[in-house]
Amino acid sequence: MSAPRPYNAPDTDAPTGHREVDPVTGYDTTGHDWNGIRELNTPFPRIVVWALGLTFLYSVVTWVLLPAWPTGHTYTRGLLGLDQSEAAVERLREVDAVRQGWLARFDDPDFTALAADRDLMAWATPAADRLYQDNCAACHGFAGGGGPGFPDLRDTAWLWGGDPETVAETLRHGINAPDPDTRIAEMPAFDWLDRSERRELAAYVAALPTGDATHDSPAGFLFAENCEACHGAQGGGGLMNGAPSLADAAVIYGQDPGTVMETLRVGRRGVMPAWGDRLSAAEINLLASYVSRVSENGKGGRE
């Protein structure tokens, strides 16, 4: 393969003093030759020149009219004064105005009447779900299923009561929280019992959810003497005093014998924060309406 000729080198195949003209296109050649392939000396495409010029002109006009150049802590605003952040804030104000329109109905609600208003609940349920996910799901689970140390909200055995008014009170003041009106619930330590008695009691409590517990037994009598006052007859709960049911699968800390032994030894004192300082009264009532329906359908208030 022959090496390319230098740029503007004379074409030895053309008459002296003349450039070779391509017979097909009519353009001069550049003198570059790659193994018989000759480069044409074509002009730069005019459309590309126009495109570059228009692009440059557009950029200059844009820099002048729109926010563009940083100037330290701020930026040039442009002659048009456009600001997307202000437009976004204005849009948020419009959305919030619509939200406040229906949310105001939860300020002092008749929960039964509100639940029957299907048009209202079409707006309220997605907003309530968002409130739940933002504030409750981290502890109680995406769909209210609870987790280690946190109650299952889908269970029908509520700690304090599952009607919307009671749930709103719990949300407002919390449980074992710094709020002066907080609900108080504590499982005391039973370390004063003999270890053998705690072991019998732990085995009995662990058997309650399966129905294998023998109630007419020394362990059953121990439970009746020490636990029924809070947890109800045979651990059924439902006394609305903050003590959970021990007879179903919705346990809070675990109900294997080892975990129950630990609970009996050191006690439990779970904390739910008070939301009265973070959420408005209407938001608390909206969330209470949502949470109270969890046990009805087992889907975190969704219908």
Protein backbone atom coordinates (compact mmCIF):
# COMPACT_ATOMS: atom_id res chain seq x y z
CA MET A 1 0.00 0.00 0.00
CA SER A 2 1.38 3.37 -0.96
CA ALA A 3 1.67 6.07 1.74
CA PRO A 4 -0.66 9.10 1.52
CA ARG A 5 0.74 12.18 -0.07
CA PRO A 6 1.26 15.25 2.11
CA TYR A 7 -1.59 17.76 2.18
CA ASN A 8 -1.53 20.09 -0.87
CA ALA A 9 1.24 18.05 -2.42
CA PRO A 10 1.20 18.31 -6.20
CA ASP A 11 -0.68 15.58 -7.99
CA THR A 12 1.88 13.85 -10.20
CA ASP A 13 -0.91 12.44 -12.32
CA ALA A 14 -2.26 15.90 -13.15
CA PRO A 15 -0.70 18.36 -15.57
CA THR A 16 1.94 20.59 -13.97
CA GLY A 17 0.36 23.63 -12.22
CA HIS A 18 -3.14 22.17 -12.28
CA ARG A 19 -5.25 20.39 -9.61
CA GLU A 20 -6.93 17.17 -10.51
CA VAL A 21 -10.71 17.48 -10.80
CA ASP A 22 -12.90 14.54 -9.88
CA PRO A 23 -14.87 13.74 -13.03
CA VAL A 24 -17.95 12.57 -11.09
CA THR A 25 -18.46 15.41 -8.57
CA GLY A 26 -16.51 18.19 -10.25
CA TYR A 27 -14.59 18.93 -7.01
CA ASP A 28 -10.83 19.33 -6.83
CA THR A 29 -8.94 16.66 -4.99
CA THR A 30 -6.81 17.53 -1.95
CA GLY A 31 -3.86 15.60 -3.23
CA HIS A 32 -4.24 12.88 -0.61
CA ASP A 33 -4.13 9.44 -2.07
CA TRP A 34 -4.66 6.20 -0.11
CA ASN A 35 -3.91 3.31 -2.39
CA GLY A 36 -5.83 4.88 -5.25
CA ILE A 37 -8.57 6.41 -3.12
CA ARG A 38 -8.38 10.20 -3.51
CA GLU A 39 -9.85 12.73 -1.08
CA LEU A 40 -12.14 15.40 -2.47
CA ASN A 41 -11.70 19.02 -1.45
CA THR A 42 -15.43 19.53 -0.68
CA PRO A 43 -16.67 22.64 1.13
CA PHE A 44 -17.96 22.45 4.73
CA PRO A 45 -21.73 21.63 4.59
CA ARG A 46 -23.69 24.86 4.72
CA ILE A 47 -26.43 23.36 6.90
CA VAL A 48 -23.86 22.54 9.56
CA VAL A 49 -22.56 26.11 9.49
CA TRP A 50 -26.11 27.42 9.95
CA ALA A 51 -26.77 24.94 12.76
CA LEU A 52 -23.64 25.99 14.62
CA GLY A 53 -24.48 29.66 14.17
CA LEU A 54 -28.06 29.23 15.38
CA THR A 55 -26.88 27.17 18.36
CA PHE A 56 -24.46 29.88 19.38
CA LEU A 57 -27.11 32.58 18.94
CA TYR A 58 -29.62 30.56 20.99
CA SER A 59 -27.11 30.09 23.82
CA VAL A 60 -26.40 33.82 23.96
CA VAL A 61 -30.10 34.70 24.00
CA THR A 62 -30.75 32.04 26.66
CA TRP A 63 -27.94 33.37 28.89
CA VAL A 64 -29.51 36.81 28.71
CA LEU A 65 -33.17 35.86 29.17
CA LEU A 66 -33.02 32.92 31.61
CA PRO A 67 -31.24 32.17 34.91
CA ALA A 68 -27.84 30.97 33.86
CA TRP A 69 -24.60 32.15 35.47
CA PRO A 70 -23.60 31.40 39.07
CA THR A 71 -22.32 34.41 40.96
CA GLY A 72 -21.19 32.88 44.24
CA HIS A 73 -24.14 32.45 46.59
CA THR A 74 -26.72 33.27 43.92
CA TYR A 75 -27.03 33.41 40.10
CA THR A 76 -28.08 35.73 37.32
CA ARG A 77 -31.89 35.84 37.17
CA GLY A 78 -32.26 36.67 33.47
CA LEU A 79 -34.42 39.36 31.89
CA LEU A 80 -37.53 37.13 31.98
CA GLY A 81 -37.19 36.55 35.72
CA LEU A 82 -38.19 32.88 35.44
CA ASP A 83 -37.61 30.71 38.53
CA GLN A 84 -38.56 27.03 38.53
CA SER A 85 -38.27 26.79 42.31
CA GLU A 86 -40.88 29.52 42.71
CA ALA A 87 -43.10 27.80 40.15
CA ALA A 88 -42.78 24.54 42.09
CA VAL A 89 -43.61 26.28 45.37
CA GLU A 90 -46.67 27.89 43.78
CA ARG A 91 -47.82 24.50 42.50
CA LEU A 92 -47.37 23.04 45.98
CA ARG A 93 -49.49 25.86 47.41
CA GLU A 94 -52.26 25.00 44.96
CA VAL A 95 -52.11 21.31 45.88
CA ASP A 96 -52.05 22.13 49.59
CA ALA A 97 -55.08 24.41 49.20
CA VAL A 98 -57.05 21.52 47.70
CA ARG A 99 -55.79 19.19 50.45
CA GLN A 100 -56.73 21.59 53.22
CA GLY A 101 -60.24 21.79 51.80
CA TRP A 102 -61.10 18.16 52.53
CA LEU A 103 -58.63 17.73 55.42
CA ALA A 104 -60.44 20.41 57.43
CA ARG A 105 -63.34 17.98 57.81
CA PHE A 106 -61.09 15.90 60.08
CA ASP A 107 -60.45 18.74 62.53
CA ASP A 108 -63.35 17.67 64.78
CA PRO A 109 -64.69 14.64 62.99
CA ASP A 110 -67.69 12.38 63.13
CA PHE A 111 -65.70 9.29 62.15
CA THR A 112 -68.74 7.23 61.22
CA ALA A 113 -70.10 9.90 58.88
CA LEU A 114 -66.70 10.51 57.32
CA ALA A 115 -66.14 6.79 56.67
CA ALA A 116 -69.48 6.66 54.86
CA ASP A 117 -68.54 9.54 52.53
CA ARG A 118 -66.99 7.63 49.62
CA ASP A 119 -65.97 10.76 47.70
CA LEU A 120 -64.14 12.11 50.72
CA MET A 121 -62.43 8.80 51.45
CA ALA A 122 -61.27 8.60 47.83
CA TRP A 123 -59.18 11.70 48.62
CA ALA A 124 -58.40 10.81 52.23
CA THR A 125 -57.25 7.19 51.98
CA PRO A 126 -54.19 7.77 49.75
CA ALA A 127 -53.18 10.75 51.91
CA ALA A 128 -53.66 8.68 55.08
CA ASP A 129 -51.59 5.87 53.59
CA ARG A 130 -48.80 8.34 52.90
CA LEU A 131 -49.00 9.60 56.49
CA TYR A 132 -48.82 6.02 57.73
CA GLN A 133 -45.84 5.12 55.56
CA ASP A 134 -43.97 8.28 56.56
CA ASN A 135 -44.60 8.04 60.29
CA CYS A 136 -45.68 4.53 61.32
CA ALA A 137 -44.42 1.92 58.85
CA ALA A 138 -40.84 1.97 60.17
CA CYS A 139 -42.08 0.33 63.39
CA HIS A 140 -45.43 -1.27 62.59
CA GLY A 141 -44.58 -2.50 59.10
CA PHE A 142 -45.71 -1.56 55.61
CA ALA A 143 -49.14 -3.13 56.05
CA GLY A 144 -49.39 -2.88 59.84
CA GLY A 145 -48.01 -6.35 60.55
CA GLY A 146 -45.75 -5.17 63.35
CA GLY A 147 -42.40 -6.69 64.21
CA PRO A 148 -40.12 -7.49 67.15
CA GLY A 149 -41.06 -4.98 69.85
CA PHE A 150 -43.92 -3.38 67.88
CA PRO A 151 -47.58 -4.43 67.94
CA ASP A 152 -49.38 -5.93 64.96
CA LEU A 153 -52.08 -3.41 64.02
CA ARG A 154 -54.02 -6.02 62.04
CA ASP A 155 -54.82 -7.94 65.21
CA THR A 156 -58.27 -7.48 66.72
CA ALA A 157 -56.90 -7.52 70.29
CA TRP A 158 -55.95 -3.86 70.65
CA LEU A 159 -53.77 -2.72 73.53
CA TRP A 160 -55.83 0.40 74.27
CA GLY A 161 -58.80 0.12 71.94
CA GLY A 162 -59.18 0.21 68.18
CA ASP A 163 -61.97 2.72 67.62
CA PRO A 164 -60.82 5.92 65.83
CA GLU A 165 -61.28 8.17 68.88
CA THR A 166 -59.11 5.92 71.07
CA VAL A 167 -56.46 5.48 68.37
CA ALA A 168 -56.35 9.27 67.94
CA GLU A 169 -55.76 9.67 71.68
CA THR A 170 -52.93 7.13 71.56
CA LEU A 171 -51.37 8.87 68.55
CA ARG A 172 -51.69 12.28 70.15
CA HIS A 173 -50.04 11.45 73.48
CA GLY A 174 -48.08 8.27 72.80
CA ILE A 175 -47.27 5.40 75.16
CA ASN A 176 -44.60 5.81 77.85
CA ALA A 177 -43.65 9.04 76.06
CA PRO A 178 -42.52 12.37 77.59
CA ASP A 179 -45.97 13.84 76.91
CA PRO A 180 -47.68 14.65 80.26
CA ASP A 181 -50.87 12.87 79.14
CA THR A 182 -49.14 9.83 77.69
CA ARG A 183 -50.54 6.36 78.22
CA ILE A 184 -48.53 4.27 80.67
CA ALA A 185 -47.97 0.55 80.20
CA GLU A 186 -45.21 -1.58 81.66
CA MET A 187 -44.57 -5.27 82.06
CA PRO A 188 -42.86 -5.64 85.45
CA ALA A 189 -39.99 -8.00 86.02
CA PHE A 190 -40.92 -11.23 87.79
CA ASP A 191 -37.40 -11.98 88.91
CA TRP A 192 -38.73 -12.50 92.42
CA LEU A 193 -40.25 -15.81 91.28
CA ASP A 194 -38.12 -18.91 91.60
CA ARG A 195 -36.33 -19.78 88.40
CA SER A 196 -38.23 -23.07 88.24
CA GLU A 197 -41.53 -21.19 88.49
CA ARG A 198 -40.48 -18.76 85.75
CA ARG A 199 -39.54 -21.72 83.58
CA GLU A 200 -42.97 -23.33 84.10
CA LEU A 201 -44.71 -20.02 83.43
CA ALA A 202 -42.63 -19.41 80.28
CA ALA A 203 -43.53 -22.84 78.90
CA TYR A 204 -47.22 -22.18 79.65
CA VAL A 205 -47.21 -18.76 77.96
CA ALA A 206 -45.35 -20.14 74.94
CA ALA A 207 -48.07 -22.77 74.53
CA LEU A 208 -50.99 -20.32 74.68
CA PRO A 209 -51.05 -19.38 70.95
CA THR A 210 -51.11 -23.04 69.89
CA GLY A 211 -53.86 -24.01 72.33
CA ASP A 212 -51.59 -26.58 73.98
CA ALA A 213 -51.45 -24.82 77.36
CA THR A 214 -52.94 -26.80 80.24
CA HIS A 215 -54.90 -24.25 82.23
CA ASP A 216 -55.68 -26.60 85.13
CA SER A 217 -52.03 -27.04 86.04
CA PRO A 218 -49.49 -25.48 88.44
CA ALA A 219 -48.30 -23.24 85.58
CA GLY A 220 -51.89 -22.28 84.81
CA PHE A 221 -52.44 -21.31 88.46
CA LEU A 222 -49.21 -19.30 88.41
CA PHE A 223 -50.47 -17.45 85.36
CA ALA A 224 -53.87 -16.79 86.94
CA GLU A 225 -52.25 -15.40 90.09
CA ASN A 226 -49.66 -13.19 88.41
CA CYS A 227 -50.69 -12.40 84.84
CA GLU A 228 -54.46 -12.50 84.29
CA ALA A 229 -55.03 -9.14 85.94
CA CYS A 230 -53.35 -7.48 82.94
CA HIS A 231 -53.46 -10.06 80.14
CA GLY A 232 -56.97 -11.38 80.76
CA ALA A 233 -58.29 -14.85 81.40
CA GLN A 234 -55.99 -17.44 79.86
CA GLY A 235 -54.04 -14.63 78.21
CA GLY A 236 -56.84 -13.52 75.90
CA GLY A 237 -56.11 -9.80 76.35
CA GLY A 238 -58.72 -7.24 75.41
CA LEU A 239 -58.66 -5.37 78.74
CA MET A 240 -57.56 -2.15 76.97
CA ASN A 241 -54.85 -1.47 79.54
CA GLY A 242 -51.83 -1.76 77.29
CA ALA A 243 -51.24 -5.48 77.93
CA PRO A 244 -51.28 -7.59 74.74
CA SER A 245 -53.12 -10.83 74.12
CA LEU A 246 -50.85 -13.82 74.65
CA ALA A 247 -53.25 -16.30 73.08
CA ASP A 248 -52.82 -15.45 69.40
CA ALA A 249 -49.98 -15.29 66.90
CA ALA A 250 -49.62 -11.50 67.02
CA VAL A 251 -46.93 -11.41 69.70
CA ILE A 252 -44.76 -8.37 70.24
CA TYR A 253 -41.41 -9.55 71.61
CA GLY A 254 -41.60 -13.22 70.74
CA GLN A 255 -43.27 -16.07 72.57
CA ASP A 256 -40.80 -18.91 72.54
CA PRO A 257 -39.86 -20.12 76.06
CA GLY A 258 -36.46 -18.43 75.97
CA THR A 259 -37.86 -15.02 75.03
CA VAL A 260 -40.64 -15.30 77.61
CA MET A 261 -38.06 -16.19 80.26
CA GLU A 262 -36.16 -13.01 79.37
CA THR A 263 -39.37 -10.98 79.56
CA LEU A 264 -40.17 -12.43 82.99
CA ARG A 265 -36.65 -11.72 84.19
CA VAL A 266 -36.24 -8.08 83.07
CA GLY A 267 -39.77 -6.92 82.15
CA ARG A 268 -40.76 -4.80 79.12
CA ARG A 269 -41.52 -1.14 78.65
CA GLY A 270 -42.16 -0.26 75.03
CA VAL A 271 -42.37 3.36 73.91
CA MET A 272 -44.54 4.91 71.23
CA PRO A 273 -43.76 8.59 70.61
CA ALA A 274 -46.44 11.25 70.92
CA TRP A 275 -47.36 12.72 67.55
CA GLY A 276 -49.30 15.72 68.82
CA ASP A 277 -46.35 18.06 68.29
CA ARG A 278 -45.52 16.78 64.82
CA LEU A 279 -48.90 16.20 63.17
CA SER A 280 -51.89 18.51 63.11
CA ALA A 281 -55.13 17.54 64.81
CA ALA A 282 -56.71 16.83 61.41
CA GLU A 283 -53.77 14.63 60.35
CA ILE A 284 -53.93 12.66 63.61
CA ASN A 285 -57.66 12.08 63.15
CA LEU A 286 -57.12 11.10 59.52
CA LEU A 287 -54.38 8.65 60.55
CA ALA A 288 -56.55 7.29 63.38
CA SER A 289 -59.38 6.63 60.93
CA TYR A 290 -56.94 4.78 58.68
CA VAL A 291 -55.28 2.73 61.43
CA SER A 292 -58.60 1.76 63.02
CA ARG A 293 -59.55 0.04 59.75
CA VAL A 294 -56.37 -2.05 59.62
CA SER A 295 -57.83 -4.94 61.57
CA GLU A 296 -60.97 -4.83 59.40
CA ASN A 297 -59.21 -5.73 56.17
CA GLY A 298 -55.61 -6.56 57.16
CA LYS A 299 -54.18 -4.26 54.46
CA GLY A 300 -53.04 -1.21 56.30
CA GLY A 301 -56.32 0.63 55.89
CA ARG A 302 -56.49 0.10 52.11
CA GLU A 303 -59.76 -1.03 50.62
